[in-house]
């Protein structure tokens, strides 16, 4: 009798587990590839990095304030034959349209960094959509192509923002290597931070107008290229379909 009872309990347990797994599968498929299950909840994540066998990485520059150091930065990228991704705030793009065109004509990828650089997780879905639509339209008008990538200001996001961006046809992009160039670190400090943290599939965060970013860039690019890394724009690094996301926001190709 006891053996029969234990078997029955086991059958009930496995049936319940199968039911939970099936329900979770439905939830994840409904919420998209950005959804991960962790801590008993389903949450959406931006792309922080990409799992890849190739030594491919992406370097990105957020554009929100000024252009004083941007020409020097672009000259280094051209000399090193590296294409990068620039995330532009609408008010920056409209203030410096000549730089938007210069960046695009140099072959670099352009994404949106919002319209007004707010903490977007504090916004309603309607205001989020307005930020994304306004900034994408403004950039498209200047650059002649509509952004496909979005980086939240301050790296601030929530589930609603990820879903809203996805509905707008945008991939939300973070980073796994922070140069901290906005903290006025020296060129050597910036370079060492980046070089020491890069791995296959990394996305590097820099800023177009960091005081010492352009100075650090040759060391970063030369050292990593000599280590076998290839720089590609974010849009050529990420998976756009048939992928999963781990709890760290790292994309993995679906098996």
Protein backbone atom coordinates (compact mmCIF):
# COMPACT_ATOMS: atom_id res chain seq x y z
CA UNK A 1 0.00 0.00 0.00
CA UNK A 2 2.82 2.36 0.93
CA UNK A 3 4.65 1.60 -2.34
CA UNK A 4 1.47 2.31 -4.32
CA UNK A 5 1.02 5.61 -2.48
CA UNK A 6 4.62 6.66 -3.21
CA UNK A 7 4.21 5.81 -6.89
CA UNK A 8 1.03 7.83 -7.05
CA UNK A 9 2.76 10.82 -5.43
CA UNK A 10 5.59 10.54 -7.94
CA UNK A 11 3.17 10.46 -10.86
CA UNK A 12 1.33 13.51 -9.54
CA UNK A 13 4.64 15.37 -9.04
CA UNK A 14 5.89 14.66 -12.56
CA UNK A 15 2.52 15.53 -14.07
CA UNK A 16 2.53 18.84 -12.19
CA UNK A 17 6.11 19.57 -13.30
CA UNK A 18 5.20 18.85 -16.90
CA UNK A 19 2.22 21.18 -16.63
CA UNK A 20 4.39 23.98 -15.23
CA UNK A 21 6.97 23.45 -17.99
CA UNK A 22 4.29 23.59 -20.66
CA UNK A 23 2.79 26.76 -19.18
CA UNK A 24 6.21 28.39 -18.98
CA UNK A 25 6.89 27.49 -22.58
CA UNK A 26 3.68 29.20 -23.64
CA UNK A 27 4.54 32.30 -21.60
CA UNK A 28 8.03 32.56 -23.03
CA UNK A 29 6.85 32.08 -26.58
CA UNK A 30 4.23 34.76 -26.05
CA UNK A 31 6.68 37.28 -24.61
CA UNK A 32 9.36 36.77 -27.24
CA UNK A 33 13.02 35.92 -27.32
CA UNK A 34 13.90 38.75 -24.97
CA UNK A 35 12.11 36.97 -22.12
CA UNK A 36 14.02 34.94 -19.56
CA UNK A 37 12.75 33.01 -16.58
CA UNK A 38 14.57 33.83 -13.38
CA UNK A 39 13.67 34.10 -9.73
CA UNK A 40 10.20 32.74 -10.39
CA UNK A 41 9.28 35.51 -12.85
CA UNK A 42 9.47 36.16 -16.57
CA UNK A 43 11.30 39.37 -17.45
CA UNK A 44 12.55 40.99 -20.62
CA UNK A 45 16.18 41.88 -21.20
CA UNK A 46 18.07 43.99 -23.70
CA UNK A 47 21.08 42.51 -25.48
CA UNK A 48 24.24 42.91 -23.40
CA UNK A 49 26.51 40.60 -25.41
CA UNK A 50 26.42 37.72 -27.87
CA UNK A 51 27.59 34.13 -27.59
CA UNK A 52 29.71 33.40 -30.66
CA UNK A 53 32.61 31.14 -31.60
CA UNK A 54 34.14 33.93 -33.66
CA UNK A 55 36.22 36.67 -32.07
CA UNK A 56 33.74 39.35 -33.11
CA UNK A 57 33.02 42.40 -30.97
CA UNK A 58 31.29 45.77 -31.38
CA UNK A 59 32.34 49.21 -30.19
CA UNK A 60 29.58 51.76 -29.64
CA UNK A 61 29.42 55.49 -28.97
CA UNK A 62 26.54 57.32 -27.31
CA UNK A 63 25.97 60.82 -28.72
CA UNK A 64 24.20 63.28 -26.44
CA UNK A 65 26.52 66.17 -25.63
CA UNK A 66 28.93 68.08 -27.87
CA UNK A 67 31.23 67.21 -30.77
CA UNK A 68 34.60 68.66 -29.75
CA UNK A 69 36.40 65.29 -29.82
CA UNK A 70 34.28 63.57 -32.45
CA UNK A 71 36.39 64.39 -35.52
CA UNK A 72 39.48 62.90 -33.90
CA UNK A 73 37.49 59.79 -33.00
CA UNK A 74 36.19 59.38 -36.55
CA UNK A 75 39.69 59.80 -37.95
CA UNK A 76 40.96 56.93 -35.77
CA UNK A 77 38.08 54.67 -36.85
CA UNK A 78 38.76 55.47 -40.51
CA UNK A 79 42.48 54.85 -40.18
CA UNK A 80 41.88 51.54 -38.40
CA UNK A 81 39.12 50.55 -40.86
CA UNK A 82 36.71 49.90 -38.00
CA UNK A 83 32.96 50.37 -38.35
CA UNK A 84 31.18 51.28 -35.12
CA UNK A 85 27.64 51.93 -33.91
CA UNK A 86 26.58 55.42 -32.83
CA UNK A 87 23.47 55.82 -30.65
CA UNK A 88 22.14 59.37 -31.10
CA UNK A 89 19.72 61.40 -29.02
CA UNK A 90 17.30 63.34 -31.20
CA UNK A 91 18.28 66.77 -29.88
CA UNK A 92 21.95 65.97 -30.58
CA UNK A 93 21.19 64.78 -34.11
CA UNK A 94 19.15 67.89 -34.86
CA UNK A 95 21.81 70.20 -33.41
CA UNK A 96 24.64 68.52 -35.33
CA UNK A 97 23.12 67.18 -38.56
CA UNK A 98 26.49 67.48 -40.31
CA UNK A 99 27.92 64.92 -37.87
CA UNK A 100 24.99 62.57 -38.37
CA UNK A 101 25.68 62.65 -42.11
CA UNK A 102 29.43 62.38 -41.62
CA UNK A 103 29.03 59.32 -39.38
CA UNK A 104 26.59 57.63 -41.77
CA UNK A 105 28.64 58.38 -44.86
CA UNK A 106 31.70 56.87 -43.18
CA UNK A 107 29.84 53.54 -43.06
CA UNK A 108 29.02 53.52 -39.36
CA UNK A 109 25.73 52.23 -38.00
CA UNK A 110 23.28 54.69 -36.43
CA UNK A 111 20.83 53.84 -33.67
CA UNK A 112 18.53 55.92 -31.49
CA UNK A 113 19.32 56.93 -27.92
CA UNK A 114 15.80 58.41 -27.40
CA UNK A 115 14.42 61.87 -28.21
CA UNK A 116 15.06 63.74 -24.95
CA UNK A 117 17.33 61.40 -22.90
CA UNK A 118 14.83 60.66 -20.09
CA UNK A 119 14.71 57.84 -17.56
CA UNK A 120 12.42 55.85 -19.80
CA UNK A 121 11.30 53.29 -17.24
CA UNK A 122 9.38 56.13 -15.56
CA UNK A 123 7.36 56.82 -18.73
CA UNK A 124 4.03 55.41 -19.82
CA UNK A 125 3.97 53.14 -22.86
CA UNK A 126 2.48 56.01 -24.87
CA UNK A 127 5.33 58.37 -23.97
CA UNK A 128 7.87 55.62 -24.67
CA UNK A 129 6.42 55.17 -28.14
CA UNK A 130 6.56 58.92 -28.71
CA UNK A 131 10.25 59.05 -27.70
CA UNK A 132 11.13 56.21 -30.05
CA UNK A 133 9.04 57.35 -33.00
CA UNK A 134 10.17 60.96 -32.77
CA UNK A 135 13.86 60.10 -32.52
CA UNK A 136 13.78 57.47 -35.26
CA UNK A 137 11.93 59.78 -37.63
CA UNK A 138 14.32 62.67 -36.95
CA UNK A 139 17.39 60.50 -37.52
CA UNK A 140 15.91 58.99 -40.67
CA UNK A 141 15.19 62.47 -42.03
CA UNK A 142 18.83 63.49 -41.57
CA UNK A 143 20.69 60.24 -42.23
CA UNK A 144 18.36 58.78 -44.86
CA UNK A 145 17.89 55.49 -43.01
CA UNK A 146 15.74 54.48 -40.07
CA UNK A 147 17.43 53.10 -36.95
CA UNK A 148 16.92 49.46 -36.06
CA UNK A 149 18.72 49.64 -32.71
CA UNK A 150 17.88 51.49 -29.50
CA UNK A 151 19.96 52.15 -26.40
CA UNK A 152 18.07 53.38 -23.33
CA UNK A 153 19.46 56.52 -21.70
CA UNK A 154 21.34 55.78 -18.48
CA UNK A 155 20.96 52.06 -19.29
CA UNK A 156 17.55 52.39 -17.62
CA UNK A 157 14.80 50.00 -18.75
CA UNK A 158 11.90 47.82 -17.66
CA UNK A 159 9.74 45.16 -19.30
CA UNK A 160 7.39 47.76 -20.74
CA UNK A 161 10.24 49.58 -22.50
CA UNK A 162 11.70 46.42 -24.03
CA UNK A 163 8.29 45.38 -25.32
CA UNK A 164 7.49 48.87 -26.63
CA UNK A 165 10.81 49.05 -28.48
CA UNK A 166 10.26 45.58 -29.92
CA UNK A 167 6.81 46.61 -31.15
CA UNK A 168 8.48 49.61 -32.83
CA UNK A 169 10.83 47.25 -34.67
CA UNK A 170 13.85 48.09 -32.51
CA UNK A 171 16.39 45.84 -30.80
CA UNK A 172 17.30 47.20 -27.36
CA UNK A 173 21.07 47.19 -26.83
CA UNK A 174 23.11 47.53 -23.65
CA UNK A 175 26.78 46.62 -23.15
CA UNK A 176 28.99 44.26 -21.19
CA UNK A 177 32.16 46.39 -21.32
CA UNK A 178 31.93 49.94 -19.93
CA UNK A 179 34.86 52.22 -20.76
CA UNK A 180 33.74 54.77 -18.12
CA UNK A 181 35.16 57.41 -20.47
CA UNK A 182 32.52 59.86 -19.21
CA UNK A 183 34.25 59.87 -15.81
CA UNK A 184 37.23 61.75 -17.26
CA UNK A 185 39.56 58.77 -16.84
CA UNK A 186 42.94 59.00 -18.53
CA UNK A 187 43.39 57.45 -21.97
CA UNK A 188 45.47 54.67 -20.43
CA UNK A 189 42.82 53.91 -17.80
CA UNK A 190 40.10 53.78 -20.44
CA UNK A 191 42.14 51.49 -22.68
CA UNK A 192 43.06 49.10 -19.87
CA UNK A 193 39.45 48.87 -18.66
CA UNK A 194 38.22 47.92 -22.12
CA UNK A 195 41.04 45.57 -23.11
CA UNK A 196 40.87 43.69 -19.82
CA UNK A 197 37.14 43.04 -20.02
CA UNK A 198 36.49 42.12 -23.65
CA UNK A 199 35.43 38.61 -24.62
CA UNK A 200 33.97 37.10 -27.78
CA UNK A 201 30.68 38.83 -28.57
CA UNK A 202 31.28 41.84 -26.33
CA UNK A 203 29.59 45.19 -26.83
CA UNK A 204 31.78 48.10 -25.69
CA UNK A 205 30.27 51.34 -24.39
CA UNK A 206 32.02 54.64 -25.15
CA UNK A 207 30.91 58.21 -25.82
CA UNK A 208 31.52 60.34 -28.88
CA UNK A 209 32.70 63.31 -26.88
CA UNK A 210 34.63 61.74 -24.01
CA UNK A 211 37.63 63.92 -23.18
CA UNK A 212 40.16 61.10 -23.63
CA UNK A 213 38.19 58.57 -25.70
CA UNK A 214 39.77 59.39 -29.06
CA UNK A 215 43.20 59.26 -27.44
CA UNK A 216 42.51 55.82 -25.95
CA UNK A 217 40.94 54.43 -29.12
CA UNK A 218 44.12 53.56 -31.10
CA UNK A 219 45.44 51.47 -28.19
CA UNK A 220 42.09 49.72 -27.77
CA UNK A 221 41.67 48.94 -31.46
CA UNK A 222 45.27 47.92 -32.15
CA UNK A 223 45.58 45.72 -29.07
CA UNK A 224 42.31 43.88 -29.65
CA UNK A 225 42.90 43.48 -33.39
CA UNK A 226 46.36 42.06 -32.66
CA UNK A 227 44.65 39.62 -30.28
CA UNK A 228 42.54 38.33 -33.16
CA UNK A 229 39.36 40.32 -32.61
CA UNK A 230 37.29 41.72 -35.47
CA UNK A 231 35.12 44.81 -34.98
CA UNK A 232 31.64 44.83 -36.51
CA UNK A 233 28.61 47.09 -35.99
CA UNK A 234 26.14 45.86 -33.40
CA UNK A 235 23.59 45.07 -36.10
CA UNK A 236 26.02 42.56 -37.60
CA UNK A 237 26.86 41.03 -34.21
CA UNK A 238 23.46 40.30 -32.72
CA UNK A 239 21.09 37.46 -33.62
CA UNK A 240 17.80 38.72 -35.00
CA UNK A 241 15.93 35.41 -34.80
CA UNK A 242 16.35 31.83 -33.58
CA UNK A 243 18.13 32.72 -30.36
CA UNK A 244 17.70 32.48 -26.61
CA UNK A 245 18.74 34.89 -23.89
CA UNK A 246 20.39 33.99 -20.61
CA UNK A 247 19.90 35.85 -17.33
CA UNK A 248 22.89 38.10 -18.10
CA UNK A 249 21.37 39.36 -21.33
CA UNK A 250 23.74 37.33 -23.48
CA UNK A 251 22.24 36.05 -26.73
CA UNK A 252 22.78 32.40 -27.62
CA UNK A 253 21.99 30.84 -31.00
CA UNK A 254 19.07 28.43 -30.76
CA UNK A 255 20.14 24.80 -31.01
